[in-house]
PDB file of N, CA and C in Angstrom:
ATOM      1  N   MET A   1       0.862  -1.171   0.000  1.00  0.00           N
ATOM      2  CA  MET A   1       0.000   0.000   0.000  1.00  0.00           C
ATOM      3  C   MET A   1       0.902   1.225   0.000  1.00  0.00           C
ATOM      4  N   THR A   2       0.596   2.145  -0.889  1.00  0.00           N
ATOM      5  CA  THR A   2       1.446   3.329  -1.005  1.00  0.00           C
ATOM      6  C   THR A   2       1.219   4.258   0.182  1.00  0.00           C
ATOM      7  N   ILE A   3       2.211   5.080   0.435  1.00  0.00           N
ATOM      8  CA  ILE A   3       2.129   6.030   1.540  1.00  0.00           C
ATOM      9  C   ILE A   3       1.018   7.043   1.278  1.00  0.00           C
ATOM     10  N   THR A   4       0.805   7.380   0.015  1.00  0.00           N
ATOM     11  CA  THR A   4      -0.260   8.333  -0.325  1.00  0.00           C
ATOM     12  C   THR A   4      -1.627   7.779   0.063  1.00  0.00           C
ATOM     13  N   LEU A   5      -1.881   6.512  -0.271  1.00  0.00           N
ATOM     14  CA  LEU A   5      -3.153   5.890   0.082  1.00  0.00           C
ATOM     15  C   LEU A   5      -3.303   5.798   1.598  1.00  0.00           C
ATOM     16  N   ARG A   6      -2.213   5.494   2.275  1.00  0.00           N
ATOM     17  CA  ARG A   6      -2.270   5.406   3.742  1.00  0.00           C
ATOM     18  C   ARG A   6      -2.623   6.757   4.358  1.00  0.00           C
ATOM     19  N   ILE A   7      -2.021   7.820   3.840  1.00  0.00           N
ATOM     20  CA  ILE A   7      -2.310   9.168   4.345  1.00  0.00           C
ATOM     21  C   ILE A   7      -3.758   9.549   4.058  1.00  0.00           C
ATOM     22  N   ILE A   8      -4.229   9.229   2.847  1.00  0.00           N
ATOM     23  CA  ILE A   8      -5.621   9.525   2.496  1.00  0.00           C
ATOM     24  C   ILE A   8      -6.574   8.780   3.422  1.00  0.00           C
ATOM     25  N   LEU A   9      -6.281   7.509   3.725  1.00  0.00           N
ATOM     26  CA  LEU A   9      -7.137   6.729   4.620  1.00  0.00           C
ATOM     27  C   LEU A   9      -7.150   7.312   6.036  1.00  0.00           C
ATOM     28  N   ILE A  10      -5.989   7.736   6.511  1.00  0.00           N
ATOM     29  CA  ILE A  10      -5.904   8.327   7.849  1.00  0.00           C
ATOM     30  C   ILE A  10      -6.711   9.628   7.900  1.00  0.00           C
ATOM     31  N   ILE A  11      -6.494  10.496   6.926  1.00  0.00           N
ATOM     32  CA  ILE A  11      -7.218  11.770   6.890  1.00  0.00           C
ATOM     33  C   ILE A  11      -8.715  11.528   6.740  1.00  0.00           C
ATOM     34  N   GLY A  12      -9.093  10.604   5.854  1.00  0.00           N
ATOM     35  CA  GLY A  12     -10.504  10.293   5.653  1.00  0.00           C
ATOM     36  C   GLY A  12     -11.161   9.756   6.912  1.00  0.00           C
ATOM     37  N   SER A  13     -10.464   8.883   7.633  1.00  0.00           N
ATOM     38  CA  SER A  13     -11.048   8.316   8.852  1.00  0.00           C
ATOM     39  C   SER A  13     -11.175   9.371   9.950  1.00  0.00           C
ATOM     40  N   LEU A  14     -10.201  10.235  10.072  1.00  0.00           N
ATOM     41  CA  LEU A  14     -10.272  11.291  11.086  1.00  0.00           C
ATOM     42  C   LEU A  14     -11.376  12.307  10.764  1.00  0.00           C
ATOM     43  N   LEU A  15     -11.488  12.670   9.485  1.00  0.00           N
ATOM     44  CA  LEU A  15     -12.541  13.613   9.091  1.00  0.00           C
ATOM     45  C   LEU A  15     -13.924  13.001   9.269  1.00  0.00           C
ATOM     46  N   THR A  16     -14.062  11.725   8.956  1.00  0.00           N
ATOM     47  CA  THR A  16     -15.346  11.054   9.132  1.00  0.00           C
ATOM     48  C   THR A  16     -15.733  11.000  10.599  1.00  0.00           C
ATOM     49  N   THR A  17     -14.789  10.646  11.455  1.00  0.00           N
ATOM     50  CA  THR A  17     -15.058  10.592  12.889  1.00  0.00           C
ATOM     51  C   THR A  17     -15.447  11.967  13.424  1.00  0.00           C
ATOM     52  N   TYR A  18     -14.737  12.995  13.004  1.00  0.00           N
ATOM     53  CA  TYR A  18     -15.051  14.360  13.432  1.00  0.00           C
ATOM     54  C   TYR A  18     -16.453  14.765  12.976  1.00  0.00           C
ATOM     55  N   TYR A  19     -16.762  14.502  11.716  1.00  0.00           N
ATOM     56  CA  TYR A  19     -18.061  14.878  11.160  1.00  0.00           C
ATOM     57  C   TYR A  19     -19.202  14.149  11.872  1.00  0.00           C
ATOM     58  N   VAL A  20     -19.034  12.857  12.117  1.00  0.00           N
ATOM     59  CA  VAL A  20     -20.066  12.080  12.802  1.00  0.00           C
ATOM     60  C   VAL A  20     -20.251  12.584  14.232  1.00  0.00           C
ATOM     61  N   ALA A  21     -19.147  12.857  14.924  1.00  0.00           N
ATOM     62  CA  ALA A  21     -19.236  13.365  16.297  1.00  0.00           C
ATOM     63  C   ALA A  21     -19.960  14.706  16.330  1.00  0.00           C
ATOM     64  N   ARG A  22     -19.704  15.547  15.347  1.00  0.00           N
ATOM     65  CA  ARG A  22     -20.388  16.837  15.263  1.00  0.00           C
ATOM     66  C   ARG A  22     -21.889  16.672  15.044  1.00  0.00           C
ATOM     67  N   LYS A  23     -22.249  15.733  14.190  1.00  0.00           N
ATOM     68  CA  LYS A  23     -23.667  15.474  13.933  1.00  0.00           C
ATOM     69  C   LYS A  23     -24.366  14.889  15.158  1.00  0.00           C
ATOM     70  N   VAL A  24     -23.666  14.064  15.925  1.00  0.00           N
ATOM     71  CA  VAL A  24     -24.244  13.500  17.153  1.00  0.00           C
ATOM     72  C   VAL A  24     -24.475  14.615  18.161  1.00  0.00           C
ATOM     73  N   ARG A  25     -23.499  15.498  18.322  1.00  0.00           N
ATOM     74  CA  ARG A  25     -23.643  16.611  19.260  1.00  0.00           C
ATOM     75  C   ARG A  25     -24.809  17.523  18.906  1.00  0.00           C
ATOM     76  N   LYS A  26     -25.034  17.730  17.598  1.00  0.00           N
ATOM     77  CA  LYS A  26     -26.134  18.589  17.160  1.00  0.00           C
ATOM     78  C   LYS A  26     -27.468  17.855  17.175  1.00  0.00           C
ATOM     79  N   GLY A  27     -27.440  16.556  17.435  1.00  0.00           N
ATOM     80  CA  GLY A  27     -28.667  15.782  17.478  1.00  0.00           C
ATOM     81  C   GLY A  27     -29.222  15.455  16.101  1.00  0.00           C
ATOM     82  N   GLN A  28     -28.395  15.501  15.076  1.00  0.00           N
ATOM     83  CA  GLN A  28     -28.844  15.241  13.719  1.00  0.00           C
ATOM     84  C   GLN A  28     -28.729  13.776  13.321  1.00  0.00           C
ATOM     85  N   ILE A  29     -28.081  12.977  14.154  1.00  0.00           N
ATOM     86  CA  ILE A  29     -27.957  11.542  13.911  1.00  0.00           C
ATOM     87  C   ILE A  29     -27.980  10.842  15.261  1.00  0.00           C
ATOM     88  N   GLU A  30     -28.635   9.694  15.300  1.00  0.00           N
ATOM     89  CA  GLU A  30     -28.698   8.950  16.549  1.00  0.00           C
ATOM     90  C   GLU A  30     -27.381   8.230  16.793  1.00  0.00           C
ATOM     91  N   ILE A  31     -27.100   7.984  18.044  1.00  0.00           N
ATOM     92  CA  ILE A  31     -25.838   7.368  18.420  1.00  0.00           C
ATOM     93  C   ILE A  31     -25.705   5.970  17.817  1.00  0.00           C
ATOM     94  N   ASN A  32     -26.791   5.197  17.788  1.00  0.00           N
ATOM     95  CA  ASN A  32     -26.681   3.843  17.245  1.00  0.00           C
ATOM     96  C   ASN A  32     -26.375   3.854  15.743  1.00  0.00           C
ATOM     97  N   HIS A  33     -26.822   4.869  15.018  1.00  0.00           N
ATOM     98  CA  HIS A  33     -26.474   4.980  13.602  1.00  0.00           C
ATOM     99  C   HIS A  33     -25.038   5.476  13.423  1.00  0.00           C
ATOM    100  N   SER A  34     -24.602   6.306  14.321  1.00  0.00           N
ATOM    101  CA  SER A  34     -23.242   6.832  14.213  1.00  0.00           C
ATOM    102  C   SER A  34     -22.195   5.775  14.553  1.00  0.00           C
ATOM    103  N   LEU A  35     -22.580   4.772  15.303  1.00  0.00           N
ATOM    104  CA  LEU A  35     -21.647   3.709  15.679  1.00  0.00           C
ATOM    105  C   LEU A  35     -21.067   3.030  14.447  1.00  0.00           C
ATOM    106  N   PHE A  36     -21.900   2.766  13.437  1.00  0.00           N
ATOM    107  CA  PHE A  36     -21.414   2.155  12.191  1.00  0.00           C
ATOM    108  C   PHE A  36     -20.304   2.995  11.582  1.00  0.00           C
ATOM    109  N   TRP A  37     -20.528   4.305  11.491  1.00  0.00           N
ATOM    110  CA  TRP A  37     -19.548   5.171  10.831  1.00  0.00           C
ATOM    111  C   TRP A  37     -18.269   5.311  11.637  1.00  0.00           C
ATOM    112  N   VAL A  38     -18.386   5.316  12.947  1.00  0.00           N
ATOM    113  CA  VAL A  38     -17.180   5.381  13.785  1.00  0.00           C
ATOM    114  C   VAL A  38     -16.373   4.089  13.633  1.00  0.00           C
ATOM    115  N   LEU A  39     -17.054   2.945  13.630  1.00  0.00           N
ATOM    116  CA  LEU A  39     -16.356   1.666  13.434  1.00  0.00           C
ATOM    117  C   LEU A  39     -15.749   1.585  12.037  1.00  0.00           C
ATOM    118  N   PHE A  40     -16.441   2.103  11.055  1.00  0.00           N
ATOM    119  CA  PHE A  40     -15.923   2.134   9.694  1.00  0.00           C
ATOM    120  C   PHE A  40     -14.658   2.993   9.627  1.00  0.00           C
ATOM    121  N   SER A  41     -14.676   4.130  10.296  1.00  0.00           N
ATOM    122  CA  SER A  41     -13.500   5.002  10.347  1.00  0.00           C
ATOM    123  C   SER A  41     -12.349   4.323  11.072  1.00  0.00           C
ATOM    124  N   LEU A  42     -12.676   3.609  12.139  1.00  0.00           N
ATOM    125  CA  LEU A  42     -11.645   2.862  12.870  1.00  0.00           C
ATOM    126  C   LEU A  42     -11.011   1.806  11.979  1.00  0.00           C
ATOM    127  N   PHE A  43     -11.838   1.116  11.183  1.00  0.00           N
ATOM    128  CA  PHE A  43     -11.311   0.135  10.233  1.00  0.00           C
ATOM    129  C   PHE A  43     -10.336   0.795   9.260  1.00  0.00           C
ATOM    130  N   LEU A  44     -10.706   1.952   8.712  1.00  0.00           N
ATOM    131  CA  LEU A  44      -9.828   2.654   7.776  1.00  0.00           C
ATOM    132  C   LEU A  44      -8.525   3.073   8.449  1.00  0.00           C
ATOM    133  N   LEU A  45      -8.642   3.537   9.688  1.00  0.00           N
ATOM    134  CA  LEU A  45      -7.453   3.959  10.424  1.00  0.00           C
ATOM    135  C   LEU A  45      -6.522   2.782  10.696  1.00  0.00           C
ATOM    136  N   LEU A  46      -7.081   1.680  11.181  1.00  0.00           N
ATOM    137  CA  LEU A  46      -6.261   0.491  11.454  1.00  0.00           C
ATOM    138  C   LEU A  46      -5.651  -0.075  10.173  1.00  0.00           C
ATOM    139  N   THR A  47      -6.399  -0.024   9.090  1.00  0.00           N
ATOM    140  CA  THR A  47      -5.891  -0.513   7.806  1.00  0.00           C
ATOM    141  C   THR A  47      -4.715   0.334   7.334  1.00  0.00           C
ATOM    142  N   SER A  48      -4.804   1.626   7.540  1.00  0.00           N
ATOM    143  CA  SER A  48      -3.719   2.491   7.088  1.00  0.00           C
ATOM    144  C   SER A  48      -2.493   2.391   7.984  1.00  0.00           C
ATOM    145  N   ILE A  49      -2.684   2.117   9.271  1.00  0.00           N
ATOM    146  CA  ILE A  49      -1.548   2.021  10.181  1.00  0.00           C
ATOM    147  C   ILE A  49      -0.913   0.626  10.134  1.00  0.00           C
ATOM    148  N   PHE A  50      -1.752  -0.414  10.075  1.00  0.00           N
ATOM    149  CA  PHE A  50      -1.266  -1.796  10.066  1.00  0.00           C
ATOM    150  C   PHE A  50      -1.744  -2.526   8.810  1.00  0.00           C
ATOM    151  N   PRO A  51      -1.101  -2.276   7.663  1.00  0.00           N
ATOM    152  CA  PRO A  51      -1.579  -2.884   6.415  1.00  0.00           C
ATOM    153  C   PRO A  51      -1.169  -4.352   6.238  1.00  0.00           C
ATOM    154  N   GLN A  52      -0.450  -4.930   7.203  1.00  0.00           N
ATOM    155  CA  GLN A  52       0.044  -6.292   7.048  1.00  0.00           C
ATOM    156  C   GLN A  52      -1.092  -7.310   6.926  1.00  0.00           C
ATOM    157  N   TYR A  53      -2.138  -7.158   7.726  1.00  0.00           N
ATOM    158  CA  TYR A  53      -3.247  -8.100   7.649  1.00  0.00           C
ATOM    159  C   TYR A  53      -3.939  -8.000   6.293  1.00  0.00           C
ATOM    160  N   LEU A  54      -3.943  -6.791   5.739  1.00  0.00           N
ATOM    161  CA  LEU A  54      -4.572  -6.585   4.441  1.00  0.00           C
ATOM    162  C   LEU A  54      -3.768  -7.257   3.330  1.00  0.00           C
ATOM    163  N   GLU A  55      -2.469  -7.279   3.493  1.00  0.00           N
ATOM    164  CA  GLU A  55      -1.616  -7.963   2.510  1.00  0.00           C
ATOM    165  C   GLU A  55      -1.946  -9.459   2.487  1.00  0.00           C
ATOM    166  N   PHE A  56      -2.150 -10.041   3.656  1.00  0.00           N
ATOM    167  CA  PHE A  56      -2.522 -11.449   3.744  1.00  0.00           C
ATOM    168  C   PHE A  56      -3.869 -11.693   3.058  1.00  0.00           C
ATOM    169  N   LEU A  57      -4.853 -10.842   3.346  1.00  0.00           N
ATOM    170  CA  LEU A  57      -6.171 -10.986   2.723  1.00  0.00           C
ATOM    171  C   LEU A  57      -6.110 -10.802   1.209  1.00  0.00           C
ATOM    172  N   THR A  58      -5.257  -9.909   0.757  1.00  0.00           N
ATOM    173  CA  THR A  58      -5.114  -9.652  -0.674  1.00  0.00           C
ATOM    174  C   THR A  58      -4.607 -10.892  -1.395  1.00  0.00           C
ATOM    175  N   HIS A  59      -3.572 -11.507  -0.833  1.00  0.00           N
ATOM    176  CA  HIS A  59      -3.027 -12.724  -1.444  1.00  0.00           C
ATOM    177  C   HIS A  59      -4.015 -13.885  -1.338  1.00  0.00           C
ATOM    178  N   LEU A  60      -4.706 -13.965  -0.219  1.00  0.00           N
ATOM    179  CA  LEU A  60      -5.688 -15.032  -0.011  1.00  0.00           C
ATOM    180  C   LEU A  60      -6.838 -14.931  -1.016  1.00  0.00           C
ATOM    181  N   ALA A  61      -7.295 -13.720  -1.283  1.00  0.00           N
ATOM    182  CA  ALA A  61      -8.414 -13.509  -2.203  1.00  0.00           C
ATOM    183  C   ALA A  61      -7.973 -13.478  -3.664  1.00  0.00           C
ATOM    184  N   GLY A  62      -6.681 -13.371  -3.906  1.00  0.00           N
ATOM    185  CA  GLY A  62      -6.184 -13.329  -5.272  1.00  0.00           C
ATOM    186  C   GLY A  62      -6.402 -11.993  -5.951  1.00  0.00           C
ATOM    187  N   VAL A  63      -6.470 -10.931  -5.149  1.00  0.00           N
ATOM    188  CA  VAL A  63      -6.659  -9.582  -5.686  1.00  0.00           C
ATOM    189  C   VAL A  63      -5.301  -9.043  -6.108  1.00  0.00           C
ATOM    190  N   TYR A  64      -5.282  -8.252  -7.165  1.00  0.00           N
ATOM    191  CA  TYR A  64      -4.042  -7.771  -7.758  1.00  0.00           C
ATOM    192  C   TYR A  64      -3.205  -6.900  -6.821  1.00  0.00           C
ATOM    193  N   SER A  65      -3.841  -5.930  -6.163  1.00  0.00           N
ATOM    194  CA  SER A  65      -3.079  -5.043  -5.283  1.00  0.00           C
ATOM    195  C   SER A  65      -3.858  -4.763  -4.004  1.00  0.00           C
ATOM    196  N   MET A  66      -3.117  -4.296  -2.984  1.00  0.00           N
ATOM    197  CA  MET A  66      -3.751  -4.006  -1.695  1.00  0.00           C
ATOM    198  C   MET A  66      -4.738  -2.854  -1.800  1.00  0.00           C
ATOM    199  N   SER A  67      -4.440  -1.876  -2.628  1.00  0.00           N
ATOM    200  CA  SER A  67      -5.373  -0.757  -2.764  1.00  0.00           C
ATOM    201  C   SER A  67      -6.693  -1.230  -3.363  1.00  0.00           C
ATOM    202  N   ASN A  68      -6.631  -2.164  -4.307  1.00  0.00           N
ATOM    203  CA  ASN A  68      -7.868  -2.739  -4.846  1.00  0.00           C
ATOM    204  C   ASN A  68      -8.631  -3.482  -3.762  1.00  0.00           C
ATOM    205  N   MET A  69      -7.912  -4.154  -2.880  1.00  0.00           N
ATOM    206  CA  MET A  69      -8.554  -4.889  -1.786  1.00  0.00           C
ATOM    207  C   MET A  69      -9.230  -3.916  -0.819  1.00  0.00           C
ATOM    208  N   VAL A  70      -8.585  -2.795  -0.539  1.00  0.00           N
ATOM    209  CA  VAL A  70      -9.185  -1.787   0.332  1.00  0.00           C
ATOM    210  C   VAL A  70     -10.503  -1.311  -0.262  1.00  0.00           C
ATOM    211  N   PHE A  71     -10.480  -0.980  -1.551  1.00  0.00           N
ATOM    212  CA  PHE A  71     -11.699  -0.504  -2.200  1.00  0.00           C
ATOM    213  C   PHE A  71     -12.760  -1.607  -2.258  1.00  0.00           C
ATOM    214  N   LEU A  72     -12.346  -2.838  -2.468  1.00  0.00           N
ATOM    215  CA  LEU A  72     -13.282  -3.957  -2.499  1.00  0.00           C
ATOM    216  C   LEU A  72     -13.971  -4.127  -1.147  1.00  0.00           C
ATOM    217  N   ILE A  73     -13.201  -4.058  -0.080  1.00  0.00           N
ATOM    218  CA  ILE A  73     -13.775  -4.182   1.271  1.00  0.00           C
ATOM    219  C   ILE A  73     -14.717  -3.021   1.561  1.00  0.00           C
ATOM    220  N   ILE A  74     -14.300  -1.804   1.204  1.00  0.00           N
ATOM    221  CA  ILE A  74     -15.138  -0.624   1.441  1.00  0.00           C
ATOM    222  C   ILE A  74     -16.452  -0.745   0.676  1.00  0.00           C
ATOM    223  N   ILE A  75     -16.377  -1.134  -0.577  1.00  0.00           N
ATOM    224  CA  ILE A  75     -17.592  -1.286  -1.376  1.00  0.00           C
ATOM    225  C   ILE A  75     -18.494  -2.355  -0.772  1.00  0.00           C
ATOM    226  N   PHE A  76     -17.924  -3.477  -0.356  1.00  0.00           N
ATOM    227  CA  PHE A  76     -18.705  -4.563   0.229  1.00  0.00           C
ATOM    228  C   PHE A  76     -19.397  -4.109   1.519  1.00  0.00           C
ATOM    229  N   VAL A  77     -18.678  -3.431   2.390  1.00  0.00           N
ATOM    230  CA  VAL A  77     -19.260  -2.958   3.657  1.00  0.00           C
ATOM    231  C   VAL A  77     -20.375  -1.941   3.391  1.00  0.00           C
ATOM    232  N   LEU A  78     -20.140  -1.038   2.450  1.00  0.00           N
ATOM    233  CA  LEU A  78     -21.164  -0.034   2.140  1.00  0.00           C
ATOM    234  C   LEU A  78     -22.394  -0.659   1.481  1.00  0.00           C
ATOM    235  N   LEU A  79     -22.213  -1.715   0.698  1.00  0.00           N
ATOM    236  CA  LEU A  79     -23.361  -2.415   0.122  1.00  0.00           C
ATOM    237  C   LEU A  79     -24.187  -3.095   1.211  1.00  0.00           C
ATOM    238  N   ILE A  80     -23.523  -3.665   2.192  1.00  0.00           N
ATOM    239  CA  ILE A  80     -24.248  -4.268   3.319  1.00  0.00           C
ATOM    240  C   ILE A  80     -25.025  -3.190   4.067  1.00  0.00           C
ATOM    241  N   LYS A  81     -24.386  -2.050   4.323  1.00  0.00           N
ATOM    242  CA  LYS A  81     -25.058  -0.948   5.008  1.00  0.00           C
ATOM    243  C   LYS A  81     -26.251  -0.455   4.197  1.00  0.00           C
ATOM    244  N   LEU A  82     -26.094  -0.355   2.895  1.00  0.00           N
ATOM    245  CA  LEU A  82     -27.185   0.067   2.022  1.00  0.00           C
ATOM    246  C   LEU A  82     -28.344  -0.917   2.093  1.00  0.00           C
ATOM    247  N   PHE A  83     -28.051  -2.203   2.106  1.00  0.00           N
ATOM    248  CA  PHE A  83     -29.093  -3.217   2.204  1.00  0.00           C
ATOM    249  C   PHE A  83     -29.829  -3.117   3.536  1.00  0.00           C
ATOM    250  N   LEU A  84     -29.081  -2.940   4.620  1.00  0.00           N
ATOM    251  CA  LEU A  84     -29.709  -2.798   5.936  1.00  0.00           C
ATOM    252  C   LEU A  84     -30.569  -1.541   6.002  1.00  0.00           C
ATOM    253  N   ASN A  85     -30.103  -0.467   5.388  1.00  0.00           N
ATOM    254  CA  ASN A  85     -30.910   0.758   5.329  1.00  0.00           C
ATOM    255  C   ASN A  85     -32.177   0.545   4.509  1.00  0.00           C
ATOM    256  N   SER A  86     -32.091  -0.247   3.451  1.00  0.00           N
ATOM    257  CA  SER A  86     -33.275  -0.546   2.642  1.00  0.00           C
ATOM    258  C   SER A  86     -34.302  -1.319   3.453  1.00  0.00           C
ATOM    259  N   ILE A  87     -33.840  -2.259   4.268  1.00  0.00           N
ATOM    260  CA  ILE A  87     -34.749  -3.018   5.134  1.00  0.00           C
ATOM    261  C   ILE A  87     -35.443  -2.068   6.113  1.00  0.00           C
ATOM    262  N   THR A  88     -34.664  -1.205   6.742  1.00  0.00           N
ATOM    263  CA  THR A  88     -35.219  -0.243   7.696  1.00  0.00           C
ATOM    264  C   THR A  88     -36.217   0.681   7.011  1.00  0.00           C
ATOM    265  N   MET A  89     -35.859   1.153   5.826  1.00  0.00           N
ATOM    266  CA  MET A  89     -36.736   2.051   5.096  1.00  0.00           C
ATOM    267  C   MET A  89     -38.049   1.354   4.715  1.00  0.00           C
ATOM    268  N   SER A  90     -37.978   0.098   4.331  1.00  0.00           N
ATOM    269  CA  SER A  90     -39.195  -0.648   3.992  1.00  0.00           C
ATOM    270  C   SER A  90     -40.112  -0.791   5.203  1.00  0.00           C
ATOM    271  N   LYS A  91     -39.515  -1.075   6.354  1.00  0.00           N
ATOM    272  CA  LYS A  91     -40.316  -1.175   7.580  1.00  0.00           C
ATOM    273  C   LYS A  91     -40.978   0.161   7.902  1.00  0.00           C
ATOM    274  N   LEU A  92     -40.231   1.240   7.779  1.00  0.00           N
ATOM    275  CA  LEU A  92     -40.779   2.570   8.067  1.00  0.00           C
ATOM    276  C   LEU A  92     -41.877   2.950   7.085  1.00  0.00           C
ATOM    277  N   GLU A  93     -41.690   2.606   5.815  1.00  0.00           N
ATOM    278  CA  GLU A  93     -42.732   2.895   4.825  1.00  0.00           C
ATOM    279  C   GLU A  93     -44.010   2.133   5.152  1.00  0.00           C
ATOM    280  N   GLY A  94     -43.867   0.882   5.621  1.00  0.00           N
ATOM    281  CA  GLY A  94     -45.033   0.107   6.029  1.00  0.00           C
ATOM    282  C   GLY A  94     -45.749   0.744   7.209  1.00  0.00           C
ATOM    283  N   LYS A  95     -44.980   1.227   8.171  1.00  0.00           N
ATOM    284  CA  LYS A  95     -45.571   1.889   9.334  1.00  0.00           C
ATOM    285  C   LYS A  95     -46.269   3.185   8.924  1.00  0.00           C
ATOM    286  N   ILE A  96     -45.654   3.948   8.035  1.00  0.00           N
ATOM    287  CA  ILE A  96     -46.253   5.200   7.571  1.00  0.00           C
ATOM    288  C   ILE A  96     -47.563   4.917   6.853  1.00  0.00           C
ATOM    289  N   GLU A  97     -47.569   3.909   6.008  1.00  0.00           N
ATOM    290  CA  GLU A  97     -48.791   3.546   5.286  1.00  0.00           C
ATOM    291  C   GLU A  97     -49.900   3.160   6.263  1.00  0.00           C
ATOM    292  N   SER A  98     -49.546   2.410   7.282  1.00  0.00           N
ATOM    293  CA  SER A  98     -50.524   2.000   8.289  1.00  0.00           C
ATOM    294  C   SER A  98     -51.076   3.211   9.039  1.00  0.00           C
ATOM    295  N   ILE A  99     -50.211   4.128   9.412  1.00  0.00           N
ATOM    296  CA  ILE A  99     -50.638   5.336  10.134  1.00  0.00           C
ATOM    297  C   ILE A  99     -51.537   6.199   9.256  1.00  0.00           C
ATOM    298  N   VAL A 100     -51.179   6.351   7.987  1.00  0.00           N
ATOM    299  CA  VAL A 100     -51.991   7.147   7.062  1.00  0.00           C
ATOM    300  C   VAL A 100     -53.375   6.528   6.921  1.00  0.00           C
ATOM    301  N   GLN A 101     -53.433   5.212   6.831  1.00  0.00           N
ATOM    302  CA  GLN A 101     -54.730   4.545   6.718  1.00  0.00           C
ATOM    303  C   GLN A 101     -55.567   4.742   7.983  1.00  0.00           C
ATOM    304  N   GLU A 102     -54.928   4.650   9.139  1.00  0.00           N
ATOM    305  CA  GLU A 102     -55.648   4.881  10.396  1.00  0.00           C
ATOM    306  C   GLU A 102     -56.197   6.308  10.454  1.00  0.00           C
ATOM    307  N   ILE A 103     -55.390   7.273  10.072  1.00  0.00           N
ATOM    308  CA  ILE A 103     -55.825   8.673  10.089  1.00  0.00           C
ATOM    309  C   ILE A 103     -56.977   8.881   9.111  1.00  0.00           C
ATOM    310  N   ALA A 104     -56.872   8.274   7.931  1.00  0.00           N
ATOM    311  CA  ALA A 104     -57.949   8.420   6.941  1.00  0.00           C
ATOM    312  C   ALA A 104     -59.246   7.827   7.468  1.00  0.00           C
ATOM    313  N   LEU A 105     -59.170   6.681   8.124  1.00  0.00           N
ATOM    314  CA  LEU A 105     -60.376   6.070   8.690  1.00  0.00           C
ATOM    315  C   LEU A 105     -60.972   6.928   9.799  1.00  0.00           C
ATOM    316  N   LYS A 106     -60.127   7.498  10.649  1.00  0.00           N
ATOM    317  CA  LYS A 106     -60.620   8.365  11.721  1.00  0.00           C
ATOM    318  C   LYS A 106     -61.270   9.617  11.152  1.00  0.00           C
ATOM    319  N   GLU A 107     -60.657  10.200  10.110  1.00  0.00           N
ATOM    320  CA  GLU A 107     -61.239  11.394   9.490  1.00  0.00           C
ATOM    321  C   GLU A 107     -62.581  11.059   8.846  1.00  0.00           C
ATOM    322  N   LEU A 108     -62.667   9.900   8.206  1.00  0.00           N
ATOM    323  CA  LEU A 108     -63.917   9.474   7.601  1.00  0.00           C
ATOM    324  C   LEU A 108     -64.989   9.265   8.667  1.00  0.00           C
ATOM    325  N   GLU A 109     -64.596   8.658   9.776  1.00  0.00           N
ATOM    326  CA  GLU A 109     -65.517   8.443  10.892  1.00  0.00           C
ATOM    327  C   GLU A 109     -65.980   9.769  11.485  1.00  0.00           C
ATOM    328  N   ASP A 110     -65.046  10.707  11.663  1.00  0.00           N
ATOM    329  CA  ASP A 110     -65.402  12.043  12.180  1.00  0.00           C
ATOM    330  C   ASP A 110     -66.346  12.766  11.218  1.00  0.00           C
ATOM    331  N   GLU A 111     -66.103  12.602   9.943  1.00  0.00           N
ATOM    332  CA  GLU A 111     -66.953  13.240   8.944  1.00  0.00           C
ATOM    333  C   GLU A 111     -68.368  12.660   8.993  1.00  0.00           C
ATOM    334  N   LYS A 112     -68.484  11.374   9.157  1.00  0.00           N
ATOM    335  CA  LYS A 112     -69.805  10.729   9.283  1.00  0.00           C
ATOM    336  C   LYS A 112     -70.515  11.213  10.538  1.00  0.00           C
ATOM    337  N   ASN A 113     -69.772  11.330  11.634  1.00  0.00           N
ATOM    338  CA  ASN A 113     -70.358  11.819  12.877  1.00  0.00           C
ATOM    339  C   ASN A 113     -70.839  13.263  12.741  1.00  0.00           C
ATOM    340  N   ASP A 114     -70.081  14.091  12.029  1.00  0.00           N
ATOM    341  CA  ASP A 114     -70.474  15.483  11.808  1.00  0.00           C
ATOM    342  C   ASP A 114     -71.751  15.576  10.969  1.00  0.00           C
ATOM    343  N   ARG A 115     -71.915  14.695  10.010  1.00  0.00           N
ATOM    344  CA  ARG A 115     -73.102  14.687   9.158  1.00  0.00           C
ATOM    345  C   ARG A 115     -74.350  14.291   9.941  1.00  0.00           C
ATOM    346  N   LYS A 116     -74.158  13.387  10.914  1.00  0.00           N
ATOM    347  CA  LYS A 116     -75.292  12.938  11.726  1.00  0.00           C
ATOM    348  C   LYS A 116     -75.796  14.039  12.633  1.00  0.00           C
ATOM    349  N   LYS A 117     -74.950  14.954  13.009  1.00  0.00           N
ATOM    350  CA  LYS A 117     -75.330  16.032  13.959  1.00  0.00           C
ATOM    351  C   LYS A 117     -76.107  17.066  13.289  1.00  0.00           C
TER     352      LYS A 117
END
């Protein structure tokens, strides 16, 4: 892994951690959601400081270079996060639909009651 990539990973992980911490302090992101990003930043930091384990994984997976392996791991982790977010979003959409239907039924019921009066 080149020194340039290592420096970029270190800077990226520190900036990500700072940004997430700022968003948590402002209340714009929940702590449980920020945990993923802090752990992701920690992974980038450890990878840039101790690239030896990554060299082993690169040879084991048959990937051409360590930088390609870094990007492969990052893409894989982000795809998993995207999938988990899709699951959460689907659940929330279902809840919203249910709430909208309940409100519509209550409004219809209130309207019927108003007509009877």
